[in-house]
Amino acid sequence: MVGSNWQRKIQFLGVLLIDIGHYAALFLIGLVVMWGAGSEFFAILAKGETALKDILMLFIYLELLAMIGIYFKTHRLPVQFLIYIAITALSRHLVIDVQAVSDTFHLWLLLTITVSIFILSIAIVLLTWTAKEYGRPEDNVHKGLPSTRRE
């Protein structure tokens, strides 16, 4: 029995150290995202005007912060937010950067980005539908059912 007590203590310490490292890294990432958003905002103020590319970039920062905040509150990382960020980044690229590309390549790039946004939008719909229809593993915790989430 002594060995199992030590094993539980070591396992508890290992999980605690991993959680501390995980939260510290997530906190630092949050600080870096806020720093980047602040830098972008102050660059807009210094310029004295804003453009659509600046606003879309701020939305990307906002979505990153929302994703980090949701993880801190719920201990889960919703894949939908990663897809939202990808859609926003592709939209920004579509609106801003595609204009600078040569005309021959322009149509294929435009089509590729548009199809990518469409596929990601379908993924959002499917993820939302399956979560509503079948639930999520973390939803079982509230119903008193076994969960696959690490406590």
Protein backbone atom coordinates (compact mmCIF):
# COMPACT_ATOMS: atom_id res chain seq x y z
CA MET A 1 0.00 0.00 0.00
CA VAL A 2 2.92 2.35 0.63
CA GLY A 3 3.99 2.13 -3.01
CA SER A 4 0.55 3.05 -4.30
CA ASN A 5 0.43 6.09 -1.99
CA TRP A 6 3.74 7.33 -3.42
CA GLN A 7 2.55 6.63 -6.94
CA ARG A 8 -0.56 8.74 -6.38
CA LYS A 9 1.50 11.56 -4.92
CA ILE A 10 3.96 11.47 -7.82
CA GLN A 11 1.11 11.33 -10.34
CA PHE A 12 -0.61 14.27 -8.59
CA LEU A 13 2.64 16.25 -8.65
CA GLY A 14 3.18 15.46 -12.33
CA VAL A 15 -0.35 16.55 -13.27
CA LEU A 16 0.05 19.69 -11.14
CA LEU A 17 3.35 20.62 -12.81
CA ILE A 18 1.91 20.05 -16.28
CA ASP A 19 -1.16 22.14 -15.44
CA ILE A 20 1.00 24.96 -14.06
CA GLY A 21 3.18 24.91 -17.18
CA HIS A 22 0.12 24.77 -19.40
CA TYR A 23 -1.57 27.74 -17.72
CA ALA A 24 1.67 29.73 -17.61
CA ALA A 25 2.23 29.20 -21.34
CA LEU A 26 -1.40 30.07 -22.11
CA PHE A 27 -1.14 33.21 -19.96
CA LEU A 28 2.04 34.25 -21.78
CA ILE A 29 0.41 33.64 -25.16
CA GLY A 30 -2.50 35.81 -24.02
CA LEU A 31 -0.08 38.59 -23.07
CA VAL A 32 1.66 38.35 -26.44
CA VAL A 33 -1.68 38.50 -28.27
CA MET A 34 -2.69 41.59 -26.24
CA TRP A 35 0.71 43.14 -26.95
CA GLY A 36 0.27 42.50 -30.68
CA ALA A 37 -3.27 43.90 -30.66
CA GLY A 38 -2.11 46.95 -28.71
CA SER A 39 0.76 47.53 -31.12
CA GLU A 40 -1.63 47.26 -34.06
CA PHE A 41 -4.07 49.66 -32.41
CA PHE A 42 -1.40 52.25 -31.61
CA ALA A 43 -0.02 51.97 -35.15
CA ILE A 44 -3.51 52.81 -36.42
CA LEU A 45 -3.69 55.80 -34.06
CA ALA A 46 -0.23 57.00 -35.12
CA LYS A 47 -1.23 56.70 -38.79
CA GLY A 48 -4.31 58.79 -38.11
CA GLU A 49 -6.55 56.62 -40.26
CA THR A 50 -7.70 53.05 -40.47
CA ALA A 51 -8.08 50.64 -43.34
CA LEU A 52 -10.10 47.46 -43.72
CA LYS A 53 -6.93 45.35 -43.34
CA ASP A 54 -6.31 46.95 -39.93
CA ILE A 55 -9.83 46.23 -38.71
CA LEU A 56 -9.69 42.63 -39.91
CA MET A 57 -6.34 42.18 -38.16
CA LEU A 58 -7.86 43.46 -34.92
CA PHE A 59 -10.67 40.91 -35.34
CA ILE A 60 -8.08 38.14 -35.59
CA TYR A 61 -6.53 39.33 -32.32
CA LEU A 62 -9.98 39.49 -30.72
CA GLU A 63 -10.77 35.92 -31.79
CA LEU A 64 -7.45 34.70 -30.40
CA LEU A 65 -8.15 36.38 -27.06
CA ALA A 66 -11.68 34.95 -27.00
CA MET A 67 -10.29 31.48 -27.64
CA ILE A 68 -7.79 31.84 -24.78
CA GLY A 69 -10.50 33.21 -22.48
CA ILE A 70 -12.83 30.33 -23.26
CA TYR A 71 -10.07 27.85 -22.48
CA PHE A 72 -9.40 29.50 -19.11
CA LYS A 73 -13.12 29.44 -18.25
CA THR A 74 -14.16 26.04 -19.59
CA HIS A 75 -10.90 24.03 -19.86
CA ARG A 76 -11.72 23.16 -23.45
CA LEU A 77 -10.46 24.57 -26.71
CA PRO A 78 -13.30 24.94 -29.20
CA VAL A 79 -12.17 24.02 -32.69
CA GLN A 80 -14.75 26.44 -34.06
CA PHE A 81 -12.65 29.40 -32.91
CA LEU A 82 -9.63 28.14 -34.83
CA ILE A 83 -11.85 27.87 -37.91
CA TYR A 84 -13.22 31.40 -37.33
CA ILE A 85 -9.66 32.70 -37.16
CA ALA A 86 -8.79 30.88 -40.39
CA ILE A 87 -11.89 32.29 -42.13
CA THR A 88 -11.05 35.82 -40.95
CA ALA A 89 -7.42 35.46 -42.07
CA LEU A 90 -8.47 34.12 -45.48
CA SER A 91 -11.04 36.91 -45.82
CA ARG A 92 -8.38 39.46 -44.99
CA HIS A 93 -6.07 37.90 -47.56
CA LEU A 94 -8.88 37.84 -50.12
CA VAL A 95 -9.81 41.48 -49.62
CA ILE A 96 -6.35 42.98 -49.17
CA ASP A 97 -3.55 40.88 -50.63
CA VAL A 98 -5.12 39.30 -53.73
CA GLN A 99 -5.32 42.72 -55.43
CA ALA A 100 -1.52 42.85 -55.58
CA VAL A 101 -1.18 39.51 -57.38
CA SER A 102 -0.73 39.38 -61.16
CA ASP A 103 -3.83 38.94 -63.30
CA THR A 104 -2.97 35.44 -64.58
CA PHE A 105 -2.61 33.99 -61.13
CA HIS A 106 -5.32 36.22 -59.71
CA LEU A 107 -8.32 34.13 -60.76
CA TRP A 108 -6.94 30.84 -59.42
CA LEU A 109 -5.92 32.40 -56.13
CA LEU A 110 -9.29 34.08 -55.80
CA LEU A 111 -11.09 30.81 -56.50
CA THR A 112 -8.89 28.80 -54.14
CA ILE A 113 -9.39 31.20 -51.23
CA THR A 114 -13.14 31.40 -51.85
CA VAL A 115 -13.51 27.61 -51.94
CA SER A 116 -11.38 27.35 -48.77
CA ILE A 117 -13.66 29.80 -46.95
CA PHE A 118 -16.69 27.83 -48.15
CA ILE A 119 -15.24 24.51 -46.92
CA LEU A 120 -14.38 26.02 -43.54
CA SER A 121 -17.92 27.44 -43.29
CA ILE A 122 -19.34 23.98 -43.95
CA ALA A 123 -17.05 22.61 -41.22
CA ILE A 124 -18.48 25.17 -38.76
CA VAL A 125 -22.03 24.14 -39.65
CA LEU A 126 -21.18 20.44 -39.24
CA LEU A 127 -19.40 20.96 -35.92
CA THR A 128 -22.29 23.03 -34.58
CA TRP A 129 -24.87 20.52 -35.78
CA THR A 130 -23.04 17.48 -34.35
CA ALA A 131 -22.54 19.23 -31.01
CA LYS A 132 -26.24 20.04 -30.88
CA GLU A 133 -27.35 16.62 -32.10
CA TYR A 134 -24.91 14.38 -30.20
CA GLY A 135 -23.51 16.66 -27.50
CA ARG A 136 -19.93 17.03 -26.38
CA PRO A 137 -18.04 14.82 -23.90
CA GLU A 138 -17.82 17.71 -21.42
CA ASP A 139 -21.62 18.05 -21.47
CA ASN A 140 -21.88 14.66 -19.71
CA VAL A 141 -20.29 16.12 -16.57
CA HIS A 142 -23.40 18.24 -15.95
CA LYS A 143 -25.68 15.22 -16.35
CA GLY A 144 -23.73 13.09 -13.90
CA LEU A 145 -22.50 10.76 -16.67
CA PRO A 146 -18.90 9.65 -17.10
CA SER A 147 -16.73 12.12 -18.96
CA THR A 148 -13.64 11.73 -21.10
CA ARG A 149 -12.36 15.10 -19.92
CA ARG A 150 -9.41 15.10 -17.55
CA GLU A 151 -10.37 16.62 -14.22
